[in-house]
Amino acid sequence: AWHHVAFTRDRTAVTLYVNGRAEGHGTFDRGLASRDGLWLRLGSAEADPAVWDGRLDEIEIYSRTLTPEEIATRGK
């Protein structure tokens, strides 16, 4: 089954959305830039293979935090 998953970050507040509904939140106090520039990891060859067994499709990255309403619309 496919699921729509979204994360938002507004300063240090991070929210996880699954299928358009907020499912968790927390804080993120580290920057997103590494010494070599901006990085983003989706899955990892270093991770235990049992952790991720799926596909990613239609990945979108925004330069602003989407509202809960915008995420709910995309998650349907």
PDB file of N, CA and C in Angstrom:
ATOM      1  N   ALA A   1       0.842  -1.186   0.000  1.00  0.00           N
ATOM      2  CA  ALA A   1       0.000   0.000   0.000  1.00  0.00           C
ATOM      3  C   ALA A   1       0.881   1.241   0.000  1.00  0.00           C
ATOM      4  N   TRP A   2       0.462   2.248  -0.746  1.00  0.00           N
ATOM      5  CA  TRP A   2       1.179   3.520  -0.787  1.00  0.00           C
ATOM      6  C   TRP A   2       0.713   4.407   0.355  1.00  0.00           C
ATOM      7  N   HIS A   3       1.629   5.184   0.900  1.00  0.00           N
ATOM      8  CA  HIS A   3       1.305   6.156   1.942  1.00  0.00           C
ATOM      9  C   HIS A   3       1.965   7.476   1.588  1.00  0.00           C
ATOM     10  N   HIS A   4       1.253   8.557   1.842  1.00  0.00           N
ATOM     11  CA  HIS A   4       1.805   9.895   1.657  1.00  0.00           C
ATOM     12  C   HIS A   4       2.460  10.287   2.970  1.00  0.00           C
ATOM     13  N   VAL A   5       3.764  10.578   2.936  1.00  0.00           N
ATOM     14  CA  VAL A   5       4.507  10.947   4.136  1.00  0.00           C
ATOM     15  C   VAL A   5       5.114  12.322   3.912  1.00  0.00           C
ATOM     16  N   ALA A   6       4.954  13.200   4.892  1.00  0.00           N
ATOM     17  CA  ALA A   6       5.515  14.549   4.802  1.00  0.00           C
ATOM     18  C   ALA A   6       6.132  14.928   6.138  1.00  0.00           C
ATOM     19  N   PHE A   7       7.209  15.680   6.056  1.00  0.00           N
ATOM     20  CA  PHE A   7       7.837  16.260   7.233  1.00  0.00           C
ATOM     21  C   PHE A   7       7.866  17.753   7.031  1.00  0.00           C
ATOM     22  N   THR A   8       7.596  18.507   8.071  1.00  0.00           N
ATOM     23  CA  THR A   8       7.782  19.950   8.011  1.00  0.00           C
ATOM     24  C   THR A   8       8.779  20.344   9.086  1.00  0.00           C
ATOM     25  N   ARG A   9       9.524  21.385   8.800  1.00  0.00           N
ATOM     26  CA  ARG A   9      10.474  21.915   9.782  1.00  0.00           C
ATOM     27  C   ARG A   9      10.332  23.423   9.773  1.00  0.00           C
ATOM     28  N   ASP A  10      10.064  23.987  10.925  1.00  0.00           N
ATOM     29  CA  ASP A  10       9.962  25.430  11.090  1.00  0.00           C
ATOM     30  C   ASP A  10      10.872  25.786  12.252  1.00  0.00           C
ATOM     31  N   ARG A  11      12.035  26.262  11.945  1.00  0.00           N
ATOM     32  CA  ARG A  11      13.108  26.477  12.914  1.00  0.00           C
ATOM     33  C   ARG A  11      13.484  25.145  13.533  1.00  0.00           C
ATOM     34  N   THR A  12      13.153  24.887  14.799  1.00  0.00           N
ATOM     35  CA  THR A  12      13.520  23.606  15.399  1.00  0.00           C
ATOM     36  C   THR A  12      12.338  22.651  15.544  1.00  0.00           C
ATOM     37  N   ALA A  13      11.131  23.086  15.210  1.00  0.00           N
ATOM     38  CA  ALA A  13       9.948  22.232  15.334  1.00  0.00           C
ATOM     39  C   ALA A  13       9.791  21.368  14.084  1.00  0.00           C
ATOM     40  N   VAL A  14       9.663  20.054  14.291  1.00  0.00           N
ATOM     41  CA  VAL A  14       9.503  19.107  13.193  1.00  0.00           C
ATOM     42  C   VAL A  14       8.197  18.345  13.402  1.00  0.00           C
ATOM     43  N   THR A  15       7.408  18.210  12.335  1.00  0.00           N
ATOM     44  CA  THR A  15       6.149  17.467  12.404  1.00  0.00           C
ATOM     45  C   THR A  15       6.138  16.415  11.301  1.00  0.00           C
ATOM     46  N   LEU A  16       5.674  15.220  11.647  1.00  0.00           N
ATOM     47  CA  LEU A  16       5.522  14.121  10.695  1.00  0.00           C
ATOM     48  C   LEU A  16       4.049  13.978  10.359  1.00  0.00           C
ATOM     49  N   TYR A  17       3.740  13.910   9.068  1.00  0.00           N
ATOM     50  CA  TYR A  17       2.378  13.692   8.591  1.00  0.00           C
ATOM     51  C   TYR A  17       2.338  12.392   7.810  1.00  0.00           C
ATOM     52  N   VAL A  18       1.315  11.586   8.033  1.00  0.00           N
ATOM     53  CA  VAL A  18       1.107  10.359   7.273  1.00  0.00           C
ATOM     54  C   VAL A  18      -0.307  10.403   6.714  1.00  0.00           C
ATOM     55  N   ASN A  19      -0.405  10.309   5.391  1.00  0.00           N
ATOM     56  CA  ASN A  19      -1.700  10.378   4.701  1.00  0.00           C
ATOM     57  C   ASN A  19      -2.492  11.615   5.088  1.00  0.00           C
ATOM     58  N   GLY A  20      -1.781  12.739   5.208  1.00  0.00           N
ATOM     59  CA  GLY A  20      -2.433  14.021   5.449  1.00  0.00           C
ATOM     60  C   GLY A  20      -2.725  14.357   6.900  1.00  0.00           C
ATOM     61  N   ARG A  21      -2.419  13.448   7.834  1.00  0.00           N
ATOM     62  CA  ARG A  21      -2.704  13.690   9.249  1.00  0.00           C
ATOM     63  C   ARG A  21      -1.414  13.769  10.049  1.00  0.00           C
ATOM     64  N   ALA A  22      -1.339  14.736  10.967  1.00  0.00           N
ATOM     65  CA  ALA A  22      -0.169  14.855  11.839  1.00  0.00           C
ATOM     66  C   ALA A  22      -0.109  13.627  12.743  1.00  0.00           C
ATOM     67  N   GLU A  23       1.037  12.937  12.711  1.00  0.00           N
ATOM     68  CA  GLU A  23       1.193  11.706  13.485  1.00  0.00           C
ATOM     69  C   GLU A  23       2.275  11.816  14.548  1.00  0.00           C
ATOM     70  N   GLY A  24       3.083  12.858  14.524  1.00  0.00           N
ATOM     71  CA  GLY A  24       4.137  13.005  15.518  1.00  0.00           C
ATOM     72  C   GLY A  24       4.834  14.336  15.364  1.00  0.00           C
ATOM     73  N   HIS A  25       5.503  14.741  16.429  1.00  0.00           N
ATOM     74  CA  HIS A  25       6.256  15.994  16.369  1.00  0.00           C
ATOM     75  C   HIS A  25       7.440  15.920  17.328  1.00  0.00           C
ATOM     76  N   GLY A  26       8.371  16.810  17.124  1.00  0.00           N
ATOM     77  CA  GLY A  26       9.558  16.850  17.967  1.00  0.00           C
ATOM     78  C   GLY A  26      10.392  18.062  17.619  1.00  0.00           C
ATOM     79  N   THR A  27      11.643  18.036  18.031  1.00  0.00           N
ATOM     80  CA  THR A  27      12.543  19.149  17.745  1.00  0.00           C
ATOM     81  C   THR A  27      13.762  18.645  16.991  1.00  0.00           C
ATOM     82  N   PHE A  28      14.348  19.536  16.241  1.00  0.00           N
ATOM     83  CA  PHE A  28      15.544  19.252  15.460  1.00  0.00           C
ATOM     84  C   PHE A  28      16.466  20.435  15.659  1.00  0.00           C
ATOM     85  N   ASP A  29      17.558  20.221  16.360  1.00  0.00           N
ATOM     86  CA  ASP A  29      18.424  21.355  16.684  1.00  0.00           C
ATOM     87  C   ASP A  29      19.735  21.364  15.908  1.00  0.00           C
ATOM     88  N   ARG A  30      19.889  20.458  14.948  1.00  0.00           N
ATOM     89  CA  ARG A  30      21.093  20.464  14.119  1.00  0.00           C
ATOM     90  C   ARG A  30      20.783  21.125  12.786  1.00  0.00           C
ATOM     91  N   GLY A  31      21.768  21.754  12.207  1.00  0.00           N
ATOM     92  CA  GLY A  31      21.599  22.354  10.891  1.00  0.00           C
ATOM     93  C   GLY A  31      21.526  21.279   9.821  1.00  0.00           C
ATOM     94  N   LEU A  32      21.031  21.636   8.666  1.00  0.00           N
ATOM     95  CA  LEU A  32      20.912  20.690   7.564  1.00  0.00           C
ATOM     96  C   LEU A  32      22.130  20.702   6.655  1.00  0.00           C
ATOM     97  N   ALA A  33      23.054  21.622   6.858  1.00  0.00           N
ATOM     98  CA  ALA A  33      24.214  21.708   5.974  1.00  0.00           C
ATOM     99  C   ALA A  33      25.400  20.949   6.571  1.00  0.00           C
ATOM    100  N   SER A  34      26.130  20.283   5.715  1.00  0.00           N
ATOM    101  CA  SER A  34      27.365  19.615   6.121  1.00  0.00           C
ATOM    102  C   SER A  34      28.544  20.441   5.629  1.00  0.00           C
ATOM    103  N   ARG A  35      29.746  20.011   5.927  1.00  0.00           N
ATOM    104  CA  ARG A  35      30.911  20.733   5.427  1.00  0.00           C
ATOM    105  C   ARG A  35      30.955  20.737   3.918  1.00  0.00           C
ATOM    106  N   ASP A  36      30.421  19.712   3.311  1.00  0.00           N
ATOM    107  CA  ASP A  36      30.457  19.598   1.854  1.00  0.00           C
ATOM    108  C   ASP A  36      29.243  20.234   1.178  1.00  0.00           C
ATOM    109  N   GLY A  37      28.424  20.916   1.937  1.00  0.00           N
ATOM    110  CA  GLY A  37      27.242  21.548   1.370  1.00  0.00           C
ATOM    111  C   GLY A  37      25.965  20.919   1.909  1.00  0.00           C
ATOM    112  N   LEU A  38      24.857  21.196   1.270  1.00  0.00           N
ATOM    113  CA  LEU A  38      23.561  20.705   1.711  1.00  0.00           C
ATOM    114  C   LEU A  38      23.446  19.210   1.458  1.00  0.00           C
ATOM    115  N   TRP A  39      22.889  18.471   2.418  1.00  0.00           N
ATOM    116  CA  TRP A  39      22.698  17.039   2.238  1.00  0.00           C
ATOM    117  C   TRP A  39      21.306  16.637   2.671  1.00  0.00           C
ATOM    118  N   LEU A  40      20.839  15.585   2.068  1.00  0.00           N
ATOM    119  CA  LEU A  40      19.544  15.007   2.416  1.00  0.00           C
ATOM    120  C   LEU A  40      19.659  13.513   2.173  1.00  0.00           C
ATOM    121  N   ARG A  41      19.266  12.717   3.154  1.00  0.00           N
ATOM    122  CA  ARG A  41      19.366  11.267   3.013  1.00  0.00           C
ATOM    123  C   ARG A  41      17.967  10.666   3.079  1.00  0.00           C
ATOM    124  N   LEU A  42      17.619   9.921   2.056  1.00  0.00           N
ATOM    125  CA  LEU A  42      16.362   9.190   2.010  1.00  0.00           C
ATOM    126  C   LEU A  42      16.718   7.717   1.943  1.00  0.00           C
ATOM    127  N   GLY A  43      16.632   7.043   3.074  1.00  0.00           N
ATOM    128  CA  GLY A  43      17.103   5.673   3.140  1.00  0.00           C
ATOM    129  C   GLY A  43      18.616   5.690   3.245  1.00  0.00           C
ATOM    130  N   SER A  44      19.237   4.551   3.384  1.00  0.00           N
ATOM    131  CA  SER A  44      20.675   4.522   3.512  1.00  0.00           C
ATOM    132  C   SER A  44      21.194   3.124   3.247  1.00  0.00           C
ATOM    133  N   ALA A  45      22.264   3.026   2.488  1.00  0.00           N
ATOM    134  CA  ALA A  45      22.896   1.736   2.271  1.00  0.00           C
ATOM    135  C   ALA A  45      23.544   1.237   3.556  1.00  0.00           C
ATOM    136  N   GLU A  46      23.824   2.150   4.491  1.00  0.00           N
ATOM    137  CA  GLU A  46      24.443   1.780   5.755  1.00  0.00           C
ATOM    138  C   GLU A  46      23.425   1.228   6.750  1.00  0.00           C
ATOM    139  N   ALA A  47      22.171   1.495   6.526  1.00  0.00           N
ATOM    140  CA  ALA A  47      21.124   1.085   7.474  1.00  0.00           C
ATOM    141  C   ALA A  47      20.872  -0.421   7.374  1.00  0.00           C
ATOM    142  N   ASP A  48      20.294  -0.955   8.403  1.00  0.00           N
ATOM    143  CA  ASP A  48      19.873  -2.356   8.413  1.00  0.00           C
ATOM    144  C   ASP A  48      18.836  -2.540   7.300  1.00  0.00           C
ATOM    145  N   PRO A  49      19.003  -3.500   6.405  1.00  0.00           N
ATOM    146  CA  PRO A  49      18.053  -3.693   5.303  1.00  0.00           C
ATOM    147  C   PRO A  49      16.611  -3.898   5.774  1.00  0.00           C
ATOM    148  N   ALA A  50      16.424  -4.358   6.993  1.00  0.00           N
ATOM    149  CA  ALA A  50      15.065  -4.579   7.497  1.00  0.00           C
ATOM    150  C   ALA A  50      14.361  -3.264   7.823  1.00  0.00           C
ATOM    151  N   VAL A  51      15.102  -2.171   7.928  1.00  0.00           N
ATOM    152  CA  VAL A  51      14.506  -0.888   8.301  1.00  0.00           C
ATOM    153  C   VAL A  51      13.681  -0.312   7.159  1.00  0.00           C
ATOM    154  N   TRP A  52      14.169  -0.407   5.932  1.00  0.00           N
ATOM    155  CA  TRP A  52      13.459   0.195   4.800  1.00  0.00           C
ATOM    156  C   TRP A  52      13.329  -0.827   3.687  1.00  0.00           C
ATOM    157  N   ASP A  53      12.115  -1.120   3.311  1.00  0.00           N
ATOM    158  CA  ASP A  53      11.865  -2.016   2.197  1.00  0.00           C
ATOM    159  C   ASP A  53      10.687  -1.447   1.428  1.00  0.00           C
ATOM    160  N   GLY A  54      10.947  -0.465   0.603  1.00  0.00           N
ATOM    161  CA  GLY A  54       9.863   0.169  -0.121  1.00  0.00           C
ATOM    162  C   GLY A  54      10.393   1.039  -1.241  1.00  0.00           C
ATOM    163  N   ARG A  55       9.519   1.824  -1.818  1.00  0.00           N
ATOM    164  CA  ARG A  55       9.868   2.700  -2.926  1.00  0.00           C
ATOM    165  C   ARG A  55       9.460   4.121  -2.600  1.00  0.00           C
ATOM    166  N   LEU A  56      10.160   5.061  -3.182  1.00  0.00           N
ATOM    167  CA  LEU A  56       9.829   6.476  -3.063  1.00  0.00           C
ATOM    168  C   LEU A  56       9.338   6.952  -4.419  1.00  0.00           C
ATOM    169  N   ASP A  57       8.324   7.802  -4.431  1.00  0.00           N
ATOM    170  CA  ASP A  57       7.765   8.299  -5.679  1.00  0.00           C
ATOM    171  C   ASP A  57       7.294   9.722  -5.453  1.00  0.00           C
ATOM    172  N   GLU A  58       7.439  10.557  -6.461  1.00  0.00           N
ATOM    173  CA  GLU A  58       6.951  11.932  -6.444  1.00  0.00           C
ATOM    174  C   GLU A  58       7.467  12.711  -5.237  1.00  0.00           C
ATOM    175  N   ILE A  59       8.776  12.722  -5.062  1.00  0.00           N
ATOM    176  CA  ILE A  59       9.400  13.464  -3.964  1.00  0.00           C
ATOM    177  C   ILE A  59       9.357  14.949  -4.290  1.00  0.00           C
ATOM    178  N   GLU A  60       8.933  15.751  -3.326  1.00  0.00           N
ATOM    179  CA  GLU A  60       8.874  17.204  -3.492  1.00  0.00           C
ATOM    180  C   GLU A  60       9.556  17.852  -2.300  1.00  0.00           C
ATOM    181  N   ILE A  61      10.382  18.854  -2.563  1.00  0.00           N
ATOM    182  CA  ILE A  61      11.048  19.618  -1.513  1.00  0.00           C
ATOM    183  C   ILE A  61      10.693  21.078  -1.724  1.00  0.00           C
ATOM    184  N   TYR A  62      10.203  21.726  -0.681  1.00  0.00           N
ATOM    185  CA  TYR A  62       9.748  23.112  -0.769  1.00  0.00           C
ATOM    186  C   TYR A  62      10.702  24.035  -0.020  1.00  0.00           C
ATOM    187  N   SER A  63      10.729  25.275  -0.420  1.00  0.00           N
ATOM    188  CA  SER A  63      11.571  26.271   0.239  1.00  0.00           C
ATOM    189  C   SER A  63      10.826  26.971   1.378  1.00  0.00           C
ATOM    190  N   ARG A  64       9.660  26.466   1.716  1.00  0.00           N
ATOM    191  CA  ARG A  64       8.875  27.031   2.816  1.00  0.00           C
ATOM    192  C   ARG A  64       8.152  25.888   3.520  1.00  0.00           C
ATOM    193  N   THR A  65       7.664  26.146   4.714  1.00  0.00           N
ATOM    194  CA  THR A  65       6.901  25.144   5.454  1.00  0.00           C
ATOM    195  C   THR A  65       5.464  25.130   4.945  1.00  0.00           C
ATOM    196  N   LEU A  66       4.995  23.977   4.505  1.00  0.00           N
ATOM    197  CA  LEU A  66       3.603  23.866   4.069  1.00  0.00           C
ATOM    198  C   LEU A  66       2.679  23.909   5.274  1.00  0.00           C
ATOM    199  N   THR A  67       1.488  24.405   5.073  1.00  0.00           N
ATOM    200  CA  THR A  67       0.494  24.431   6.148  1.00  0.00           C
ATOM    201  C   THR A  67      -0.110  23.033   6.301  1.00  0.00           C
ATOM    202  N   PRO A  68      -0.689  22.736   7.455  1.00  0.00           N
ATOM    203  CA  PRO A  68      -1.368  21.444   7.612  1.00  0.00           C
ATOM    204  C   PRO A  68      -2.458  21.228   6.557  1.00  0.00           C
ATOM    205  N   GLU A  69      -3.123  22.286   6.144  1.00  0.00           N
ATOM    206  CA  GLU A  69      -4.168  22.172   5.128  1.00  0.00           C
ATOM    207  C   GLU A  69      -3.576  21.777   3.771  1.00  0.00           C
ATOM    208  N   GLU A  70      -2.432  22.363   3.432  1.00  0.00           N
ATOM    209  CA  GLU A  70      -1.779  22.019   2.156  1.00  0.00           C
ATOM    210  C   GLU A  70      -1.329  20.549   2.163  1.00  0.00           C
ATOM    211  N   ILE A  71      -0.804  20.098   3.281  1.00  0.00           N
ATOM    212  CA  ILE A  71      -0.370  18.701   3.384  1.00  0.00           C
ATOM    213  C   ILE A  71      -1.559  17.765   3.314  1.00  0.00           C
ATOM    214  N   ALA A  72      -2.649  18.106   3.984  1.00  0.00           N
ATOM    215  CA  ALA A  72      -3.853  17.268   3.960  1.00  0.00           C
ATOM    216  C   ALA A  72      -4.383  17.128   2.534  1.00  0.00           C
ATOM    217  N   THR A  73      -4.340  18.198   1.753  1.00  0.00           N
ATOM    218  CA  THR A  73      -4.804  18.156   0.366  1.00  0.00           C
ATOM    219  C   THR A  73      -3.932  17.244  -0.469  1.00  0.00           C
ATOM    220  N   ARG A  74      -2.623  17.305  -0.271  1.00  0.00           N
ATOM    221  CA  ARG A  74      -1.705  16.468  -1.039  1.00  0.00           C
ATOM    222  C   ARG A  74      -1.739  15.010  -0.582  1.00  0.00           C
ATOM    223  N   GLY A  75      -2.155  14.776   0.654  1.00  0.00           N
ATOM    224  CA  GLY A  75      -2.150  13.431   1.217  1.00  0.00           C
ATOM    225  C   GLY A  75      -3.364  12.596   0.891  1.00  0.00           C
ATOM    226  N   LYS A  76      -4.269  13.132   0.088  1.00  0.00           N
ATOM    227  CA  LYS A  76      -5.492  12.384  -0.241  1.00  0.00           C
ATOM    228  C   LYS A  76      -5.362  11.685  -1.558  1.00  0.00           C
TER     229      LYS A  76
END
